[in-house]
Amino acid sequence: MNIKYNYQKKLSKWLACSLLVLPFLSVAQDVKTLSLKDAIALGLANSKTIALSQNKVAEAQAAYQQVLDKSLPSANASAIYNHAEIPNNVLQLGPGDPIKLPKSADAYIGTLSVQELIFAGNKLKYAKESAQLVKKIAVLDVVKDEDEIAINIINAYLNLYKLDASKSVIAQNIKALETQLKQTQRFFDQGIVTKNEVLRIQLQQSNIELTDLDLDKNRNVVNYNLDILLGLPEQTLIQTATLPTDFESENGLSTYLDSAIVNRVELKQIDYQSQVLGKNIASIKADQLPSLGAGLGAYYLNPSGKFIPGTNEFVTPLTLGLTLSWNIGSLWTTKNKVAEAHIKQQGTLINKSLIADQIKSEVNRNYQDYLQSIKKISLLKTAINQATENDNIVQSKYKNSISPLTDRLDANTQLFQAKINLELAKADAQIAYYNLLKSTGKKIIL
């Protein structure tokens, strides 16, 4: 009796502690309901990959500003102080009187020069245009990363939706089996069915509950990965929302192919790279032209030895000049450089053609997947109607002891499996559509 009392006492304490801890556990895990649109917006806002790409855009902008700085005049200033000791300060240059120098001397010298390049074959212009093109390429990298991250979020979110949809259908199945079990138990009490049939339903319930446990495990993994992808705390429990249904499109394959050729980021980047190489060719040719510059110089010469000299003890000459220079050897040394640059530019055009072919194949594959997913949804809707009708018929026969329990359970399983398959197909159709949209280069907008 004491043993039983002690056990009950310990059990009461354990339950009391559990009730105290449970509220804190529930608070620790934040539950967040997100639509697919919200998930994409949140993921893009918190993406470290996009932040890195945007940093590269800022870097390209800084490089462009440095090129602009080269158009500004350059200026240099210097100040020199000299002190000389002259041990041998008598200089005899002939039969006349010797020249006597001071034993020491101080001098201050200052210079200021300003240089401005007037013409150098438009090389500065080509450098500006090249830097601007490099910045455009960096901006397109951001767009490409945004599309890639958006499709990753869509896949992860829809995988979570599949698990939620499957769990919802399984919950319906368990509830239906509970109703079926009560009915079969009444039949058993009336002696209509055997105990074995009751056990069959209980066994099916256990198997479905095991499947539900596996879904819970998979959901925890997918939820955790999605938390990281969206930049949420890792303990956040994400609840999916109803999927948008206006994703269907009646456009033909040629429409998607044309869109891809016009909008794909990779092709735009290759065009910009080709233009950069074109500017490089023009810059190389500019080396064959003469350059013209202007310069202004100011000098301060103070040999008096005083930091602040008196009147007429220093000179300040000013100079203004033009410099024309021409590397004549460049007329024959740049020929091969130009040839090499043309070869590189031709290579980008060939590469563009290869990538365009790959893009067409990708668009066609995604288009066929999308068409198949739409057809699959239509077939599964028909299958659900058939399975529902079959389930009703078998249920009626089972109530009237015309059909065995195995047929009843099979009909029930077929119906709920068809429902699960439909939910999975809807999610797959969404994924197929967004993959198709991404492959055409269009912005994924929900």
Protein backbone atom coordinates (compact mmCIF):
# COMPACT_ATOMS: atom_id res chain seq x y z
CA MET A 1 0.00 0.00 0.00
CA ASN A 2 2.90 2.33 0.84
CA ILE A 3 4.52 1.55 -2.46
CA LYS A 4 1.38 2.55 -4.32
CA TYR A 5 1.04 5.71 -2.23
CA ASN A 6 4.68 6.72 -2.86
CA TYR A 7 4.26 6.08 -6.58
CA GLN A 8 1.14 8.25 -6.73
CA LYS A 9 2.92 10.97 -4.73
CA LYS A 10 5.91 11.00 -7.09
CA LEU A 11 3.61 11.00 -10.09
CA SER A 12 1.73 14.00 -8.69
CA LYS A 13 4.97 15.91 -8.18
CA TRP A 14 6.11 15.09 -11.71
CA LEU A 15 2.82 16.28 -13.19
CA ALA A 16 2.99 19.48 -11.14
CA CYS A 17 6.53 20.21 -12.40
CA SER A 18 5.45 19.49 -15.95
CA LEU A 19 2.58 21.95 -15.68
CA LEU A 20 5.00 24.60 -14.42
CA VAL A 21 7.57 24.02 -17.18
CA LEU A 22 5.11 23.60 -20.04
CA PRO A 23 4.19 27.32 -20.36
CA PHE A 24 7.89 28.24 -20.64
CA LEU A 25 8.43 25.63 -23.36
CA SER A 26 5.49 26.97 -25.32
CA VAL A 27 6.80 30.53 -25.02
CA ALA A 28 10.29 29.46 -26.13
CA GLN A 29 9.04 28.32 -29.54
CA ASP A 30 7.58 31.19 -31.53
CA VAL A 31 4.86 30.23 -34.00
CA LYS A 32 4.79 32.30 -37.20
CA THR A 33 2.21 31.94 -39.96
CA LEU A 34 3.65 32.98 -43.32
CA SER A 35 2.19 33.10 -46.80
CA LEU A 36 4.46 32.17 -49.68
CA LYS A 37 4.69 35.85 -50.64
CA ASP A 38 5.68 36.86 -47.10
CA ALA A 39 8.28 34.09 -46.93
CA ILE A 40 9.95 35.27 -50.15
CA ALA A 41 9.98 38.91 -49.00
CA LEU A 42 11.44 37.94 -45.61
CA GLY A 43 14.08 35.67 -47.14
CA LEU A 44 15.23 38.30 -49.63
CA ALA A 45 15.41 40.97 -46.91
CA ASN A 46 17.58 38.77 -44.66
CA SER A 47 19.72 37.09 -47.32
CA LYS A 48 23.46 37.28 -46.70
CA THR A 49 24.07 36.27 -50.33
CA ILE A 50 22.18 39.31 -51.62
CA ALA A 51 23.96 41.54 -49.11
CA LEU A 52 27.28 40.29 -50.51
CA SER A 53 26.13 40.93 -54.09
CA GLN A 54 24.99 44.43 -53.16
CA ASN A 55 28.40 45.02 -51.61
CA LYS A 56 29.96 44.14 -54.97
CA VAL A 57 27.70 46.72 -56.62
CA ALA A 58 28.96 49.32 -54.16
CA GLU A 59 32.51 48.22 -54.96
CA ALA A 60 31.86 48.65 -58.69
CA GLN A 61 30.39 52.10 -58.01
CA ALA A 62 33.52 53.06 -56.05
CA ALA A 63 35.70 51.87 -58.95
CA TYR A 64 33.62 54.01 -61.34
CA GLN A 65 34.12 57.06 -59.12
CA GLN A 66 37.86 56.42 -59.16
CA VAL A 67 37.80 56.55 -62.95
CA LEU A 68 35.93 59.87 -62.79
CA ASP A 69 38.61 61.17 -60.44
CA LYS A 70 41.18 60.65 -63.18
CA SER A 71 39.55 63.47 -65.17
CA LEU A 72 40.46 65.93 -62.42
CA PRO A 73 43.77 67.83 -62.63
CA SER A 74 46.67 66.50 -60.58
CA ALA A 75 48.55 68.83 -58.22
CA ASN A 76 51.81 68.44 -56.33
CA ALA A 77 53.47 70.67 -53.74
CA SER A 78 56.85 70.30 -52.04
CA ALA A 79 59.05 72.26 -49.67
CA ILE A 80 62.80 71.71 -49.23
CA TYR A 81 65.23 73.09 -46.67
CA ASN A 82 68.98 72.73 -47.36
CA HIS A 83 71.88 73.47 -45.05
CA ALA A 84 75.42 73.29 -46.45
CA GLU A 85 78.79 73.34 -44.65
CA ILE A 86 81.70 74.44 -46.91
CA PRO A 87 85.07 73.61 -45.28
CA ASN A 88 87.08 74.63 -48.38
CA ASN A 89 85.41 77.92 -49.12
CA VAL A 90 88.14 79.55 -51.29
CA LEU A 91 88.02 78.82 -54.99
CA GLN A 92 90.99 79.82 -57.23
CA LEU A 93 90.01 79.68 -60.90
CA GLY A 94 92.93 81.61 -62.45
CA PRO A 95 95.55 84.29 -61.90
CA GLY A 96 92.99 86.71 -60.54
CA ASP A 97 91.58 87.09 -57.07
CA PRO A 98 90.15 83.93 -55.55
CA ILE A 99 86.44 83.47 -55.03
CA LYS A 100 85.56 83.29 -51.36
CA LEU A 101 82.43 81.39 -50.36
CA PRO A 102 80.72 81.41 -46.98
CA LYS A 103 81.62 78.58 -44.63
CA SER A 104 77.94 77.59 -44.42
CA ALA A 105 74.74 78.34 -46.31
CA ASP A 106 70.96 77.77 -45.94
CA ALA A 107 68.36 77.66 -48.69
CA TYR A 108 64.57 77.19 -48.88
CA ILE A 109 62.98 75.84 -52.05
CA GLY A 110 59.24 75.39 -52.68
CA THR A 111 57.44 74.02 -55.74
CA LEU A 112 53.78 73.82 -56.80
CA SER A 113 52.68 72.17 -60.03
CA VAL A 114 49.26 71.47 -61.58
CA GLN A 115 48.87 69.09 -64.52
CA GLU A 116 45.79 68.52 -66.66
CA LEU A 117 45.47 65.94 -69.45
CA ILE A 118 43.69 67.56 -72.37
CA PHE A 119 43.61 64.68 -74.86
CA ALA A 120 44.79 61.07 -74.78
CA GLY A 121 42.87 59.39 -77.56
CA ASN A 122 39.60 59.35 -75.53
CA LYS A 123 41.05 56.67 -73.22
CA LEU A 124 39.42 58.28 -70.20
CA LYS A 125 36.04 58.20 -71.92
CA TYR A 126 36.41 54.48 -72.67
CA ALA A 127 37.49 53.82 -69.08
CA LYS A 128 34.37 55.57 -67.78
CA GLU A 129 32.10 53.57 -70.06
CA SER A 130 33.81 50.29 -69.14
CA ALA A 131 33.46 50.99 -65.40
CA GLN A 132 29.78 51.78 -65.88
CA LEU A 133 29.27 48.49 -67.75
CA VAL A 134 31.04 46.57 -64.96
CA LYS A 135 28.63 48.15 -62.49
CA LYS A 136 25.66 47.01 -64.60
CA ILE A 137 27.03 43.47 -64.59
CA ALA A 138 27.27 43.61 -60.77
CA VAL A 139 23.66 44.85 -60.54
CA LEU A 140 22.53 41.92 -62.67
CA ASP A 141 24.34 39.59 -60.26
CA VAL A 142 22.03 40.90 -57.53
CA VAL A 143 18.99 40.19 -59.71
CA LYS A 144 20.27 36.69 -60.46
CA ASP A 145 20.88 35.98 -56.76
CA GLU A 146 17.41 37.28 -55.86
CA ASP A 147 15.80 34.91 -58.39
CA GLU A 148 17.88 31.97 -57.14
CA ILE A 149 17.08 32.64 -53.50
CA ALA A 150 13.39 33.19 -54.27
CA ILE A 151 13.13 29.80 -55.99
CA ASN A 152 14.98 28.13 -53.10
CA ILE A 153 12.50 29.67 -50.65
CA ILE A 154 9.58 28.56 -52.81
CA ASN A 155 10.87 24.98 -52.90
CA ALA A 156 11.48 24.88 -49.14
CA TYR A 157 8.13 26.51 -48.34
CA LEU A 158 6.18 24.18 -50.63
CA ASN A 159 7.96 21.15 -49.20
CA LEU A 160 6.74 22.30 -45.78
CA TYR A 161 3.27 22.81 -47.27
CA LYS A 162 3.31 19.24 -48.62
CA LEU A 163 4.06 17.90 -45.15
CA ASP A 164 1.32 20.04 -43.58
CA ALA A 165 -1.17 18.97 -46.24
CA SER A 166 -0.24 15.31 -45.75
CA LYS A 167 -0.63 15.63 -41.97
CA SER A 168 -4.02 17.27 -42.44
CA VAL A 169 -5.26 14.42 -44.65
CA ILE A 170 -3.82 11.84 -42.25
CA ALA A 171 -5.67 13.52 -39.38
CA GLN A 172 -8.89 13.14 -41.38
CA ASN A 173 -8.01 9.50 -42.06
CA ILE A 174 -7.41 8.80 -38.36
CA LYS A 175 -10.72 10.43 -37.49
CA ALA A 176 -12.53 8.33 -40.13
CA LEU A 177 -10.88 5.17 -38.80
CA GLU A 178 -11.97 6.05 -35.26
CA THR A 179 -15.56 6.25 -36.53
CA GLN A 180 -15.07 2.98 -38.40
CA LEU A 181 -13.62 1.35 -35.28
CA LYS A 182 -16.65 2.34 -33.20
CA GLN A 183 -18.96 0.88 -35.81
CA THR A 184 -16.95 -2.33 -36.08
CA GLN A 185 -16.83 -2.60 -32.28
CA ARG A 186 -20.64 -2.42 -32.19
CA PHE A 187 -20.78 -5.15 -34.85
CA PHE A 188 -18.42 -7.24 -32.72
CA ASP A 189 -20.57 -6.70 -29.62
CA GLN A 190 -23.57 -7.85 -31.67
CA GLY A 191 -21.64 -10.88 -32.88
CA ILE A 192 -21.72 -9.77 -36.52
CA VAL A 193 -17.92 -9.57 -36.98
CA THR A 194 -14.97 -11.27 -35.32
CA LYS A 195 -12.38 -9.77 -32.98
CA ASN A 196 -9.87 -10.07 -35.82
CA GLU A 197 -11.67 -7.35 -37.78
CA VAL A 198 -11.48 -4.97 -34.81
CA LEU A 199 -7.76 -5.67 -34.58
CA ARG A 200 -7.33 -4.97 -38.31
CA ILE A 201 -8.67 -1.43 -37.91
CA GLN A 202 -6.56 -0.84 -34.82
CA LEU A 203 -3.50 -2.07 -36.71
CA GLN A 204 -4.25 0.30 -39.59
CA GLN A 205 -4.63 3.14 -37.08
CA SER A 206 -1.21 2.34 -35.61
CA ASN A 207 0.41 2.27 -39.06
CA ILE A 208 -1.07 5.65 -39.97
CA GLU A 209 0.07 7.12 -36.65
CA LEU A 210 3.59 5.86 -37.36
CA THR A 211 3.43 7.59 -40.74
CA ASP A 212 2.34 10.75 -38.95
CA LEU A 213 5.39 10.48 -36.67
CA ASP A 214 7.68 10.24 -39.70
CA LEU A 215 6.02 13.34 -41.14
CA ASP A 216 6.66 15.18 -37.87
CA LYS A 217 10.35 14.33 -38.04
CA ASN A 218 10.63 15.43 -41.66
CA ARG A 219 8.67 18.59 -40.90
CA ASN A 220 11.07 19.53 -38.11
CA VAL A 221 14.01 19.20 -40.50
CA VAL A 222 12.36 21.23 -43.27
CA ASN A 223 11.11 23.86 -40.78
CA TYR A 224 14.60 24.29 -39.32
CA ASN A 225 16.18 24.74 -42.77
CA LEU A 226 13.49 27.23 -43.75
CA ASP A 227 14.11 29.22 -40.55
CA ILE A 228 17.76 29.58 -41.56
CA LEU A 229 16.85 30.46 -45.14
CA LEU A 230 14.46 33.20 -43.97
CA GLY A 231 16.80 34.54 -41.29
CA LEU A 232 14.39 33.62 -38.45
CA PRO A 233 15.34 32.31 -35.00
CA GLU A 234 16.00 28.60 -35.35
CA GLN A 235 13.23 27.66 -32.88
CA THR A 236 10.51 29.43 -34.89
CA LEU A 237 7.65 27.12 -35.88
CA ILE A 238 6.45 28.14 -39.34
CA GLN A 239 2.84 27.55 -40.29
CA THR A 240 2.07 27.56 -44.02
CA ALA A 241 -0.89 29.37 -45.51
CA THR A 242 -3.22 28.64 -48.39
CA LEU A 243 -1.39 28.58 -51.70
CA PRO A 244 -2.20 31.08 -54.47
CA THR A 245 -4.23 29.50 -57.24
CA ASP A 246 -3.81 32.06 -60.03
CA PHE A 247 -0.53 30.67 -61.31
CA GLU A 248 -1.89 28.83 -64.33
CA SER A 249 -0.94 30.19 -67.73
CA GLU A 250 -2.07 29.35 -71.23
CA ASN A 251 1.03 30.70 -72.96
CA GLY A 252 2.71 28.42 -75.45
CA LEU A 253 6.32 27.25 -75.40
CA SER A 254 7.42 29.82 -78.01
CA THR A 255 6.24 32.69 -75.76
CA TYR A 256 8.36 31.42 -72.87
CA LEU A 257 11.37 30.88 -75.14
CA ASP A 258 11.15 34.42 -76.52
CA SER A 259 10.87 35.82 -73.00
CA ALA A 260 13.96 33.89 -71.90
CA ILE A 261 16.09 35.18 -74.78
CA VAL A 262 15.08 38.77 -73.95
CA ASN A 263 15.10 38.67 -70.15
CA ARG A 264 17.65 36.12 -68.95
CA VAL A 265 20.32 37.81 -66.83
CA GLU A 266 23.12 35.61 -68.14
CA LEU A 267 22.59 36.78 -71.72
CA LYS A 268 22.43 40.44 -70.65
CA GLN A 269 25.67 40.05 -68.73
CA ILE A 270 27.43 38.53 -71.75
CA ASP A 271 26.25 41.48 -73.85
CA TYR A 272 27.75 43.87 -71.30
CA GLN A 273 30.98 41.85 -71.17
CA SER A 274 31.21 42.05 -74.96
CA GLN A 275 30.75 45.82 -74.77
CA VAL A 276 33.51 46.04 -72.15
CA LEU A 277 35.84 44.20 -74.51
CA GLY A 278 34.80 46.60 -77.27
CA LYS A 279 35.81 49.54 -75.07
CA ASN A 280 39.10 47.78 -74.37
CA ILE A 281 39.75 47.50 -78.12
CA ALA A 282 39.05 51.21 -78.57
CA SER A 283 41.37 52.01 -75.65
CA ILE A 284 44.18 49.94 -77.16
CA LYS A 285 43.78 51.74 -80.49
CA ALA A 286 43.87 55.06 -78.63
CA ASP A 287 47.47 54.26 -77.62
CA GLN A 288 48.41 54.95 -81.26
CA LEU A 289 47.33 58.60 -80.97
CA PRO A 290 49.36 61.47 -79.50
CA SER A 291 48.50 62.91 -76.10
CA LEU A 292 48.31 66.57 -75.10
CA GLY A 293 48.59 67.97 -71.59
CA ALA A 294 48.84 71.38 -69.92
CA GLY A 295 50.87 72.28 -66.87
CA LEU A 296 51.22 75.19 -64.47
CA GLY A 297 54.26 75.51 -62.17
CA ALA A 298 55.22 77.90 -59.38
CA TYR A 299 58.61 77.95 -57.65
CA TYR A 300 59.90 79.63 -54.52
CA LEU A 301 63.72 80.00 -54.22
CA ASN A 302 65.11 81.51 -51.03
CA PRO A 303 68.92 81.33 -50.82
CA SER A 304 69.16 83.99 -48.12
CA GLY A 305 69.17 81.49 -45.28
CA LYS A 306 66.36 83.34 -43.52
CA PHE A 307 63.03 81.60 -43.01
CA ILE A 308 61.29 84.90 -43.82
CA PRO A 309 63.56 86.65 -46.29
CA GLY A 310 63.80 90.38 -46.86
CA THR A 311 62.87 92.20 -50.03
CA ASN A 312 64.67 90.99 -53.18
CA GLU A 313 66.20 88.05 -51.33
CA PHE A 314 63.99 85.38 -53.00
CA VAL A 315 62.58 84.64 -56.46
CA THR A 316 59.20 83.12 -57.49
CA PRO A 317 59.22 82.09 -61.14
CA LEU A 318 55.92 80.91 -62.69
CA THR A 319 55.71 78.54 -65.67
CA LEU A 320 52.89 77.59 -68.01
CA GLY A 321 53.30 75.04 -70.75
CA LEU A 322 51.78 72.47 -73.08
CA THR A 323 53.17 68.98 -73.59
CA LEU A 324 52.56 67.04 -76.79
CA SER A 325 53.85 63.49 -76.82
CA TRP A 326 53.47 60.61 -79.25
CA ASN A 327 54.72 57.08 -78.85
CA ILE A 328 55.30 56.39 -82.52
CA GLY A 329 56.26 52.77 -81.83
CA SER A 330 52.68 52.06 -80.77
CA LEU A 331 51.68 52.29 -84.46
CA TRP A 332 53.12 48.81 -85.00
CA THR A 333 53.22 47.34 -81.47
CA THR A 334 49.46 47.51 -80.74
CA LYS A 335 48.37 45.46 -83.75
CA ASN A 336 48.59 42.09 -81.98
CA LYS A 337 46.99 43.49 -78.83
CA VAL A 338 43.98 44.55 -80.88
CA ALA A 339 43.85 41.13 -82.56
CA GLU A 340 43.85 39.39 -79.15
CA ALA A 341 41.06 41.65 -77.86
CA HIS A 342 38.95 40.87 -80.94
CA ILE A 343 39.43 37.12 -80.34
CA LYS A 344 38.24 37.51 -76.73
CA GLN A 345 35.20 39.45 -77.90
CA GLN A 346 34.39 36.76 -80.44
CA GLY A 347 34.67 34.17 -77.67
CA THR A 348 31.95 35.93 -75.67
CA LEU A 349 29.63 35.78 -78.67
CA ILE A 350 30.22 32.04 -79.05
CA ASN A 351 29.65 31.58 -75.31
CA LYS A 352 26.40 33.53 -75.57
CA SER A 353 25.18 31.16 -78.27
CA LEU A 354 26.01 28.13 -76.10
CA ILE A 355 24.25 29.59 -73.06
CA ALA A 356 21.22 30.51 -75.18
CA ASP A 357 20.91 26.86 -76.27
CA GLN A 358 21.16 25.71 -72.66
CA ILE A 359 18.48 28.21 -71.64
CA LYS A 360 16.13 26.98 -74.37
CA SER A 361 16.55 23.40 -73.16
CA GLU A 362 15.91 24.50 -69.57
CA VAL A 363 12.75 26.41 -70.54
CA ASN A 364 11.42 23.48 -72.55
CA ARG A 365 12.09 21.03 -69.70
CA ASN A 366 10.34 23.27 -67.17
CA TYR A 367 7.45 23.87 -69.57
CA GLN A 368 6.90 20.13 -70.06
CA ASP A 369 7.09 19.56 -66.28
CA TYR A 370 4.51 22.29 -65.78
CA LEU A 371 2.12 20.85 -68.38
CA GLN A 372 2.45 17.41 -66.84
CA SER A 373 1.75 18.75 -63.35
CA ILE A 374 -1.45 20.47 -64.55
CA LYS A 375 -2.63 17.27 -66.25
CA LYS A 376 -1.78 15.29 -63.12
CA ILE A 377 -3.98 17.56 -60.99
CA SER A 378 -6.89 17.02 -63.40
CA LEU A 379 -6.46 13.23 -63.28
CA LEU A 380 -6.17 13.19 -59.49
CA LYS A 381 -9.38 15.21 -59.11
CA THR A 382 -11.12 12.57 -61.20
CA ALA A 383 -9.46 9.84 -59.11
CA ILE A 384 -10.75 11.45 -55.90
CA ASN A 385 -14.29 11.53 -57.26
CA GLN A 386 -14.00 7.86 -58.19
CA ALA A 387 -12.41 6.93 -54.87
CA THR A 388 -15.11 8.85 -52.94
CA GLU A 389 -17.88 7.09 -54.82
CA ASN A 390 -16.20 3.72 -54.34
CA ASP A 391 -15.70 4.43 -50.61
CA ASN A 392 -19.40 5.28 -50.20
CA ILE A 393 -20.47 2.11 -52.00
CA VAL A 394 -18.15 -0.14 -50.02
CA GLN A 395 -19.15 1.56 -46.76
CA SER A 396 -22.82 0.88 -47.53
CA LYS A 397 -22.06 -2.74 -48.39
CA TYR A 398 -20.03 -3.15 -45.20
CA LYS A 399 -22.89 -1.80 -43.07
CA ASN A 400 -25.18 -4.35 -44.67
CA SER A 401 -22.57 -7.13 -44.21
CA ILE A 402 -22.23 -7.56 -47.98
CA SER A 403 -18.61 -6.44 -48.26
CA PRO A 404 -15.71 -7.68 -46.06
CA LEU A 405 -13.68 -5.37 -43.83
CA THR A 406 -10.62 -5.67 -46.06
CA ASP A 407 -12.53 -4.08 -48.95
CA ARG A 408 -13.74 -1.33 -46.60
CA LEU A 409 -10.20 -0.56 -45.42
CA ASP A 410 -8.80 -0.67 -48.97
CA ALA A 411 -11.44 1.78 -50.19
CA ASN A 412 -10.68 4.08 -47.26
CA THR A 413 -6.94 3.92 -47.94
CA GLN A 414 -7.38 4.61 -51.65
CA LEU A 415 -9.54 7.66 -50.94
CA PHE A 416 -7.15 9.29 -48.49
CA GLN A 417 -4.10 8.42 -50.59
CA ALA A 418 -5.77 10.13 -53.56
CA LYS A 419 -6.39 13.20 -51.39
CA ILE A 420 -2.74 13.28 -50.30
CA ASN A 421 -1.58 12.84 -53.89
CA LEU A 422 -3.75 15.78 -54.98
CA GLU A 423 -2.28 18.11 -52.35
CA LEU A 424 1.23 17.04 -53.31
CA ALA A 425 0.43 17.56 -56.99
CA LYS A 426 -0.87 21.08 -56.30
CA ALA A 427 2.39 21.97 -54.57
CA ASP A 428 4.43 20.35 -57.35
CA ALA A 429 2.48 22.37 -59.92
CA GLN A 430 3.37 25.55 -58.05
CA ILE A 431 7.04 24.58 -58.01
CA ALA A 432 6.93 23.70 -61.72
CA TYR A 433 5.30 27.03 -62.56
CA TYR A 434 7.81 29.13 -60.63
CA ASN A 435 10.71 27.15 -62.09
CA LEU A 436 9.29 27.90 -65.54
CA LEU A 437 8.89 31.58 -64.65
CA LYS A 438 12.46 31.77 -63.35
CA SER A 439 13.86 30.09 -66.48
CA THR A 440 12.21 32.77 -68.65
CA GLY A 441 14.03 35.51 -66.74
CA LYS A 442 10.85 37.12 -65.46
CA LYS A 443 10.70 38.45 -61.92
CA ILE A 444 8.89 36.11 -59.54
CA ILE A 445 6.06 38.29 -58.27
CA LEU A 446 3.30 36.81 -56.12
